[in-house]
Amino acid sequence: MPAPCHKRHPARGLHVGVTGHRLNRISQHQLDLITPQIEPVLAHLASASRCIEPVLLSNLAEGSDRHLARLGLQVGYTLHAVLPRPRDDYARGFSSAASRREYRALLDDAARITELRGPLRVAGRTYLRAGHALLDRADLLLALWDGAPSRGTGGTADVVDEAVRRRIPVLHLSTRPRQRPRLLWPRAGGTLEQRCDRRRLDAVLAHVRDTRR
């Protein structure tokens, strides 16, 4: 008989970090086009994690971060917002009143909010620190990424590189047309890049469970 699922302990669940391009590198139309690839991946990870409540970690930047947060909530994830700055300070940097309303709505839906504080004033370093803080809590990373280097410090490529350095599995969903999802799985023998399918996702989840024992 399976053990009961105690959802009052979300820290014991699968933690999926998300990263991706902001609106200067991806449009809402592109996000809508890639959504049919994202939804089954998030849903499979949630269902295959058994009774453990899945948690989605997001910095809630404009663009990919928020899109992934909304999709995660729709398929049953708990949202943990990891903010680069105190929430009101962060909101002042968004592009419009509508963007700030969207952000605050997601904060209302979040089960947990972490606000990073400190003396950093350079935006790129602030975002890099937030990406690292997200990875500190993540079992795996889902990246909406065009595969190109970051345009400055703290971009999507920097977060992916740091995940690989830490040997955190990365599910790479390309923002380029007609690209299949890829799995970047850093192991002792190097980083293995391979097609991402359900069998390999299950192998990643088994690896996560093994490393927690």
C-alpha atoms as a PDB file:
ATOM      1  CA  MET A   1       0.000   0.000   0.000  1.00  0.00           C
ATOM      2  CA  PRO A   2       1.535   3.373  -0.950  1.00  0.00           C
ATOM      3  CA  ALA A   3       2.516   5.782   1.789  1.00  0.00           C
ATOM      4  CA  PRO A   4       0.162   8.724   2.327  1.00  0.00           C
ATOM      5  CA  CYS A   5       1.021  12.011   0.692  1.00  0.00           C
ATOM      6  CA  HIS A   6       1.589  14.719   3.311  1.00  0.00           C
ATOM      7  CA  LYS A   7       1.318  17.937   1.317  1.00  0.00           C
ATOM      8  CA  ARG A   8       1.904  20.070   4.391  1.00  0.00           C
ATOM      9  CA  HIS A   9       5.639  19.458   3.862  1.00  0.00           C
ATOM     10  CA  PRO A  10       6.301  21.071   0.443  1.00  0.00           C
ATOM     11  CA  ALA A  11      10.032  21.325   1.134  1.00  0.00           C
ATOM     12  CA  ARG A  12      10.171  17.549   0.600  1.00  0.00           C
ATOM     13  CA  GLY A  13       8.687  17.742  -2.886  1.00  0.00           C
ATOM     14  CA  LEU A  14      10.294  17.990  -6.298  1.00  0.00           C
ATOM     15  CA  HIS A  15      11.663  21.505  -6.882  1.00  0.00           C
ATOM     16  CA  VAL A  16      11.750  22.598 -10.541  1.00  0.00           C
ATOM     17  CA  GLY A  17      13.605  25.847 -11.186  1.00  0.00           C
ATOM     18  CA  VAL A  18      12.703  27.797 -14.316  1.00  0.00           C
ATOM     19  CA  THR A  19      14.634  30.340 -16.336  1.00  0.00           C
ATOM     20  CA  GLY A  20      14.257  31.909 -19.750  1.00  0.00           C
ATOM     21  CA  HIS A  21      14.482  35.011 -21.853  1.00  0.00           C
ATOM     22  CA  ARG A  22      12.879  38.276 -20.876  1.00  0.00           C
ATOM     23  CA  LEU A  23      10.742  40.260 -23.299  1.00  0.00           C
ATOM     24  CA  ASN A  24      13.761  41.840 -24.975  1.00  0.00           C
ATOM     25  CA  ARG A  25      14.555  38.408 -26.470  1.00  0.00           C
ATOM     26  CA  ILE A  26      11.230  36.610 -26.656  1.00  0.00           C
ATOM     27  CA  SER A  27       7.704  37.721 -27.544  1.00  0.00           C
ATOM     28  CA  GLN A  28       4.403  36.541 -26.126  1.00  0.00           C
ATOM     29  CA  HIS A  29       3.678  35.021 -29.544  1.00  0.00           C
ATOM     30  CA  GLN A  30       6.846  32.912 -29.289  1.00  0.00           C
ATOM     31  CA  LEU A  31       5.891  31.840 -25.779  1.00  0.00           C
ATOM     32  CA  ASP A  32       2.462  30.782 -27.013  1.00  0.00           C
ATOM     33  CA  LEU A  33       4.052  28.741 -29.822  1.00  0.00           C
ATOM     34  CA  ILE A  34       6.314  26.837 -27.431  1.00  0.00           C
ATOM     35  CA  THR A  35       3.604  26.223 -24.807  1.00  0.00           C
ATOM     36  CA  PRO A  36       2.536  22.854 -26.342  1.00  0.00           C
ATOM     37  CA  GLN A  37       6.076  21.594 -25.611  1.00  0.00           C
ATOM     38  CA  ILE A  38       6.151  23.017 -22.082  1.00  0.00           C
ATOM     39  CA  GLU A  39       2.821  21.765 -20.758  1.00  0.00           C
ATOM     40  CA  PRO A  40       3.403  18.004 -21.156  1.00  0.00           C
ATOM     41  CA  VAL A  41       6.875  18.261 -19.612  1.00  0.00           C
ATOM     42  CA  LEU A  42       5.590  20.070 -16.519  1.00  0.00           C
ATOM     43  CA  ALA A  43       2.577  17.764 -16.259  1.00  0.00           C
ATOM     44  CA  HIS A  44       4.681  14.607 -16.549  1.00  0.00           C
ATOM     45  CA  LEU A  45       7.158  15.795 -13.926  1.00  0.00           C
ATOM     46  CA  ALA A  46       4.265  16.585 -11.588  1.00  0.00           C
ATOM     47  CA  SER A  47       2.541  13.224 -12.048  1.00  0.00           C
ATOM     48  CA  ALA A  48       5.725  11.137 -12.077  1.00  0.00           C
ATOM     49  CA  SER A  49       6.924  12.686  -8.811  1.00  0.00           C
ATOM     50  CA  ARG A  50       4.335  10.415  -7.172  1.00  0.00           C
ATOM     51  CA  CYS A  51       2.701  11.768  -4.029  1.00  0.00           C
ATOM     52  CA  ILE A  52       5.338  14.436  -3.487  1.00  0.00           C
ATOM     53  CA  GLU A  53       4.011  17.940  -4.024  1.00  0.00           C
ATOM     54  CA  PRO A  54       5.947  19.609  -6.869  1.00  0.00           C
ATOM     55  CA  VAL A  55       7.282  23.128  -6.379  1.00  0.00           C
ATOM     56  CA  LEU A  56       8.083  25.568  -9.192  1.00  0.00           C
ATOM     57  CA  LEU A  57      10.782  28.160  -8.468  1.00  0.00           C
ATOM     58  CA  SER A  58      10.711  31.389 -10.484  1.00  0.00           C
ATOM     59  CA  ASN A  59      12.329  34.836 -10.344  1.00  0.00           C
ATOM     60  CA  LEU A  60       9.117  36.245 -11.942  1.00  0.00           C
ATOM     61  CA  ALA A  61      10.916  38.415 -14.480  1.00  0.00           C
ATOM     62  CA  GLU A  62       8.817  39.655 -17.401  1.00  0.00           C
ATOM     63  CA  GLY A  63       8.537  37.049 -20.155  1.00  0.00           C
ATOM     64  CA  SER A  64       9.498  33.394 -19.750  1.00  0.00           C
ATOM     65  CA  ASP A  65       9.640  33.309 -15.941  1.00  0.00           C
ATOM     66  CA  ARG A  66       6.041  34.411 -15.548  1.00  0.00           C
ATOM     67  CA  HIS A  67       4.767  32.295 -18.432  1.00  0.00           C
ATOM     68  CA  LEU A  68       6.286  29.189 -16.861  1.00  0.00           C
ATOM     69  CA  ALA A  69       4.955  30.149 -13.430  1.00  0.00           C
ATOM     70  CA  ARG A  70       1.407  30.404 -14.784  1.00  0.00           C
ATOM     71  CA  LEU A  71       1.676  27.065 -16.594  1.00  0.00           C
ATOM     72  CA  GLY A  72       3.059  25.414 -13.476  1.00  0.00           C
ATOM     73  CA  LEU A  73       0.193  26.675 -11.345  1.00  0.00           C
ATOM     74  CA  GLN A  74      -2.286  25.360 -13.919  1.00  0.00           C
ATOM     75  CA  VAL A  75      -0.942  21.804 -13.652  1.00  0.00           C
ATOM     76  CA  GLY A  76      -0.711  21.688  -9.862  1.00  0.00           C
ATOM     77  CA  TYR A  77       2.652  23.099  -8.842  1.00  0.00           C
ATOM     78  CA  THR A  78       3.148  25.211  -5.747  1.00  0.00           C
ATOM     79  CA  LEU A  79       4.854  28.491  -6.679  1.00  0.00           C
ATOM     80  CA  HIS A  80       7.934  29.693  -4.792  1.00  0.00           C
ATOM     81  CA  ALA A  81       8.939  33.172  -5.976  1.00  0.00           C
ATOM     82  CA  VAL A  82      12.654  33.938  -5.563  1.00  0.00           C
ATOM     83  CA  LEU A  83      12.893  37.695  -6.121  1.00  0.00           C
ATOM     84  CA  PRO A  84      16.140  39.512  -6.994  1.00  0.00           C
ATOM     85  CA  ARG A  85      15.148  42.469  -4.796  1.00  0.00           C
ATOM     86  CA  PRO A  86      12.491  43.346  -2.218  1.00  0.00           C
ATOM     87  CA  ARG A  87       9.140  42.964  -3.969  1.00  0.00           C
ATOM     88  CA  ASP A  88       8.209  46.650  -4.284  1.00  0.00           C
ATOM     89  CA  ASP A  89      11.693  47.677  -5.411  1.00  0.00           C
ATOM     90  CA  TYR A  90      11.628  44.915  -8.037  1.00  0.00           C
ATOM     91  CA  ALA A  91       8.201  46.016  -9.300  1.00  0.00           C
ATOM     92  CA  ARG A  92       9.422  49.538 -10.045  1.00  0.00           C
ATOM     93  CA  GLY A  93      11.643  48.182 -12.818  1.00  0.00           C
ATOM     94  CA  PHE A  94       8.828  46.610 -14.850  1.00  0.00           C
ATOM     95  CA  SER A  95       7.732  48.045 -18.162  1.00  0.00           C
ATOM     96  CA  SER A  96       4.103  48.967 -17.475  1.00  0.00           C
ATOM     97  CA  ALA A  97       1.268  49.093 -14.976  1.00  0.00           C
ATOM     98  CA  ALA A  98      -0.167  45.947 -16.582  1.00  0.00           C
ATOM     99  CA  SER A  99       3.126  44.143 -15.993  1.00  0.00           C
ATOM    100  CA  ARG A 100       3.108  45.177 -12.344  1.00  0.00           C
ATOM    101  CA  ARG A 101      -0.460  43.895 -11.943  1.00  0.00           C
ATOM    102  CA  GLU A 102       0.531  40.558 -13.497  1.00  0.00           C
ATOM    103  CA  TYR A 103       3.509  40.336 -11.137  1.00  0.00           C
ATOM    104  CA  ARG A 104       1.431  41.082  -8.044  1.00  0.00           C
ATOM    105  CA  ALA A 105      -1.192  38.535  -9.092  1.00  0.00           C
ATOM    106  CA  LEU A 106       1.508  35.860  -9.268  1.00  0.00           C
ATOM    107  CA  LEU A 107       2.822  36.909  -5.856  1.00  0.00           C
ATOM    108  CA  ASP A 108      -0.713  36.447  -4.520  1.00  0.00           C
ATOM    109  CA  ASP A 109      -0.675  32.902  -5.935  1.00  0.00           C
ATOM    110  CA  ALA A 110       2.762  32.076  -4.511  1.00  0.00           C
ATOM    111  CA  ALA A 111       2.912  29.779  -1.484  1.00  0.00           C
ATOM    112  CA  ARG A 112       6.309  31.191  -0.587  1.00  0.00           C
ATOM    113  CA  ILE A 113       8.223  34.366  -1.455  1.00  0.00           C
ATOM    114  CA  THR A 114      11.956  34.858  -0.938  1.00  0.00           C
ATOM    115  CA  GLU A 115      13.184  38.449  -1.318  1.00  0.00           C
ATOM    116  CA  LEU A 116      16.935  38.782  -1.774  1.00  0.00           C
ATOM    117  CA  ARG A 117      18.516  41.779  -0.116  1.00  0.00           C
ATOM    118  CA  GLY A 118      21.956  43.312  -0.193  1.00  0.00           C
ATOM    119  CA  PRO A 119      24.090  46.098  -1.625  1.00  0.00           C
ATOM    120  CA  LEU A 120      24.124  44.991  -5.275  1.00  0.00           C
ATOM    121  CA  ARG A 121      23.185  47.891  -7.581  1.00  0.00           C
ATOM    122  CA  VAL A 122      24.217  46.537 -10.976  1.00  0.00           C
ATOM    123  CA  ALA A 123      21.166  44.895 -12.558  1.00  0.00           C
ATOM    124  CA  GLY A 124      23.092  42.042 -14.182  1.00  0.00           C
ATOM    125  CA  ARG A 125      24.736  40.990 -10.936  1.00  0.00           C
ATOM    126  CA  THR A 126      21.401  41.208  -9.151  1.00  0.00           C
ATOM    127  CA  TYR A 127      19.827  38.833 -11.692  1.00  0.00           C
ATOM    128  CA  LEU A 128      22.832  36.501 -11.514  1.00  0.00           C
ATOM    129  CA  ARG A 129      22.535  36.309  -7.735  1.00  0.00           C
ATOM    130  CA  ALA A 130      18.814  35.560  -8.096  1.00  0.00           C
ATOM    131  CA  GLY A 131      19.558  32.792 -10.592  1.00  0.00           C
ATOM    132  CA  HIS A 132      22.069  31.249  -8.201  1.00  0.00           C
ATOM    133  CA  ALA A 133      19.583  31.476  -5.317  1.00  0.00           C
ATOM    134  CA  LEU A 134      17.013  29.662  -7.455  1.00  0.00           C
ATOM    135  CA  LEU A 135      19.522  26.904  -8.242  1.00  0.00           C
ATOM    136  CA  ASP A 136      20.331  26.566  -4.528  1.00  0.00           C
ATOM    137  CA  ARG A 137      16.798  25.228  -4.111  1.00  0.00           C
ATOM    138  CA  ALA A 138      16.288  23.366  -7.420  1.00  0.00           C
ATOM    139  CA  ASP A 139      16.460  19.639  -8.174  1.00  0.00           C
ATOM    140  CA  LEU A 140      16.394  20.362 -11.909  1.00  0.00           C
ATOM    141  CA  LEU A 141      16.169  23.389 -14.197  1.00  0.00           C
ATOM    142  CA  LEU A 142      13.740  24.021 -17.065  1.00  0.00           C
ATOM    143  CA  ALA A 143      15.186  26.608 -19.468  1.00  0.00           C
ATOM    144  CA  LEU A 144      13.449  28.459 -22.310  1.00  0.00           C
ATOM    145  CA  TRP A 145      16.610  29.389 -24.166  1.00  0.00           C
ATOM    146  CA  ASP A 146      17.671  30.125 -27.741  1.00  0.00           C
ATOM    147  CA  GLY A 147      21.069  28.499 -27.126  1.00  0.00           C
ATOM    148  CA  ALA A 148      23.016  31.742 -27.564  1.00  0.00           C
ATOM    149  CA  PRO A 149      25.301  33.384 -24.974  1.00  0.00           C
ATOM    150  CA  SER A 150      23.878  35.902 -22.536  1.00  0.00           C
ATOM    151  CA  ARG A 151      23.816  39.535 -23.601  1.00  0.00           C
ATOM    152  CA  GLY A 152      25.336  40.731 -20.364  1.00  0.00           C
ATOM    153  CA  THR A 153      25.672  39.299 -16.871  1.00  0.00           C
ATOM    154  CA  GLY A 154      22.840  37.292 -15.369  1.00  0.00           C
ATOM    155  CA  GLY A 155      21.086  36.076 -18.523  1.00  0.00           C
ATOM    156  CA  THR A 156      19.563  32.687 -19.260  1.00  0.00           C
ATOM    157  CA  ALA A 157      22.812  31.197 -20.572  1.00  0.00           C
ATOM    158  CA  ASP A 158      24.585  32.158 -17.339  1.00  0.00           C
ATOM    159  CA  VAL A 159      21.966  30.342 -15.261  1.00  0.00           C
ATOM    160  CA  VAL A 160      22.192  27.259 -17.505  1.00  0.00           C
ATOM    161  CA  ASP A 161      25.998  27.286 -17.281  1.00  0.00           C
ATOM    162  CA  GLU A 162      25.845  27.484 -13.501  1.00  0.00           C
ATOM    163  CA  ALA A 163      23.363  24.599 -13.353  1.00  0.00           C
ATOM    164  CA  VAL A 164      25.695  22.481 -15.490  1.00  0.00           C
ATOM    165  CA  ARG A 165      28.626  23.424 -13.246  1.00  0.00           C
ATOM    166  CA  ARG A 166      26.615  22.252 -10.232  1.00  0.00           C
ATOM    167  CA  ARG A 167      25.550  19.043 -12.045  1.00  0.00           C
ATOM    168  CA  ILE A 168      21.877  19.976 -11.935  1.00  0.00           C
ATOM    169  CA  PRO A 169      19.908  18.389 -14.828  1.00  0.00           C
ATOM    170  CA  VAL A 170      18.701  20.981 -17.365  1.00  0.00           C
ATOM    171  CA  LEU A 171      15.623  20.520 -19.566  1.00  0.00           C
ATOM    172  CA  HIS A 172      16.342  22.806 -22.531  1.00  0.00           C
ATOM    173  CA  LEU A 173      13.282  23.912 -24.497  1.00  0.00           C
ATOM    174  CA  SER A 174      14.592  25.904 -27.433  1.00  0.00           C
ATOM    175  CA  THR A 175      12.893  29.143 -28.431  1.00  0.00           C
ATOM    176  CA  ARG A 176      14.090  28.563 -32.002  1.00  0.00           C
ATOM    177  CA  PRO A 177      11.594  27.050 -34.481  1.00  0.00           C
ATOM    178  CA  ARG A 178      11.397  23.281 -35.032  1.00  0.00           C
ATOM    179  CA  GLN A 179      13.803  22.343 -32.236  1.00  0.00           C
ATOM    180  CA  ARG A 180      13.128  19.333 -30.037  1.00  0.00           C
ATOM    181  CA  PRO A 181      13.482  19.518 -26.236  1.00  0.00           C
ATOM    182  CA  ARG A 182      16.939  18.483 -25.058  1.00  0.00           C
ATOM    183  CA  LEU A 183      18.262  17.204 -21.759  1.00  0.00           C
ATOM    184  CA  LEU A 184      21.602  18.477 -20.495  1.00  0.00           C
ATOM    185  CA  TRP A 185      22.553  16.047 -17.769  1.00  0.00           C
ATOM    186  CA  PRO A 186      25.881  16.831 -16.080  1.00  0.00           C
ATOM    187  CA  ARG A 187      27.377  13.600 -14.775  1.00  0.00           C
ATOM    188  CA  ALA A 188      30.780  12.585 -13.478  1.00  0.00           C
ATOM    189  CA  GLY A 189      31.943  11.751 -17.003  1.00  0.00           C
ATOM    190  CA  GLY A 190      30.906  15.111 -18.475  1.00  0.00           C
ATOM    191  CA  THR A 191      27.696  16.733 -19.671  1.00  0.00           C
ATOM    192  CA  LEU A 192      25.507  14.408 -21.706  1.00  0.00           C
ATOM    193  CA  GLU A 193      23.200  16.173 -24.171  1.00  0.00           C
ATOM    194  CA  GLN A 194      20.365  14.025 -25.444  1.00  0.00           C
ATOM    195  CA  ARG A 195      16.805  14.136 -26.644  1.00  0.00           C
ATOM    196  CA  CYS A 196      14.350  14.735 -23.813  1.00  0.00           C
ATOM    197  CA  ASP A 197      11.566  12.147 -23.653  1.00  0.00           C
ATOM    198  CA  ARG A 198       9.483  10.587 -20.892  1.00  0.00           C
ATOM    199  CA  ARG A 199      11.915   7.748 -20.280  1.00  0.00           C
ATOM    200  CA  ARG A 200      14.772  10.172 -19.719  1.00  0.00           C
ATOM    201  CA  LEU A 201      12.619  12.449 -17.563  1.00  0.00           C
ATOM    202  CA  ASP A 202      11.818   9.429 -15.396  1.00  0.00           C
ATOM    203  CA  ALA A 203      15.542   8.673 -15.148  1.00  0.00           C
ATOM    204  CA  VAL A 204      16.158  12.240 -13.970  1.00  0.00           C
ATOM    205  CA  LEU A 205      13.434  11.907 -11.325  1.00  0.00           C
ATOM    206  CA  ALA A 206      14.898   8.607 -10.142  1.00  0.00           C
ATOM    207  CA  HIS A 207      18.293  10.311  -9.885  1.00  0.00           C
ATOM    208  CA  VAL A 208      16.759  13.135  -7.826  1.00  0.00           C
ATOM    209  CA  ARG A 209      15.148  10.641  -5.441  1.00  0.00           C
ATOM    210  CA  ASP A 210      18.415   8.715  -5.088  1.00  0.00           C
ATOM    211  CA  THR A 211      20.434  11.841  -4.280  1.00  0.00           C
ATOM    212  CA  ARG A 212      17.989  12.740  -1.495  1.00  0.00           C
ATOM    213  CA  ARG A 213      18.408   9.464   0.375  1.00  0.00           C
END
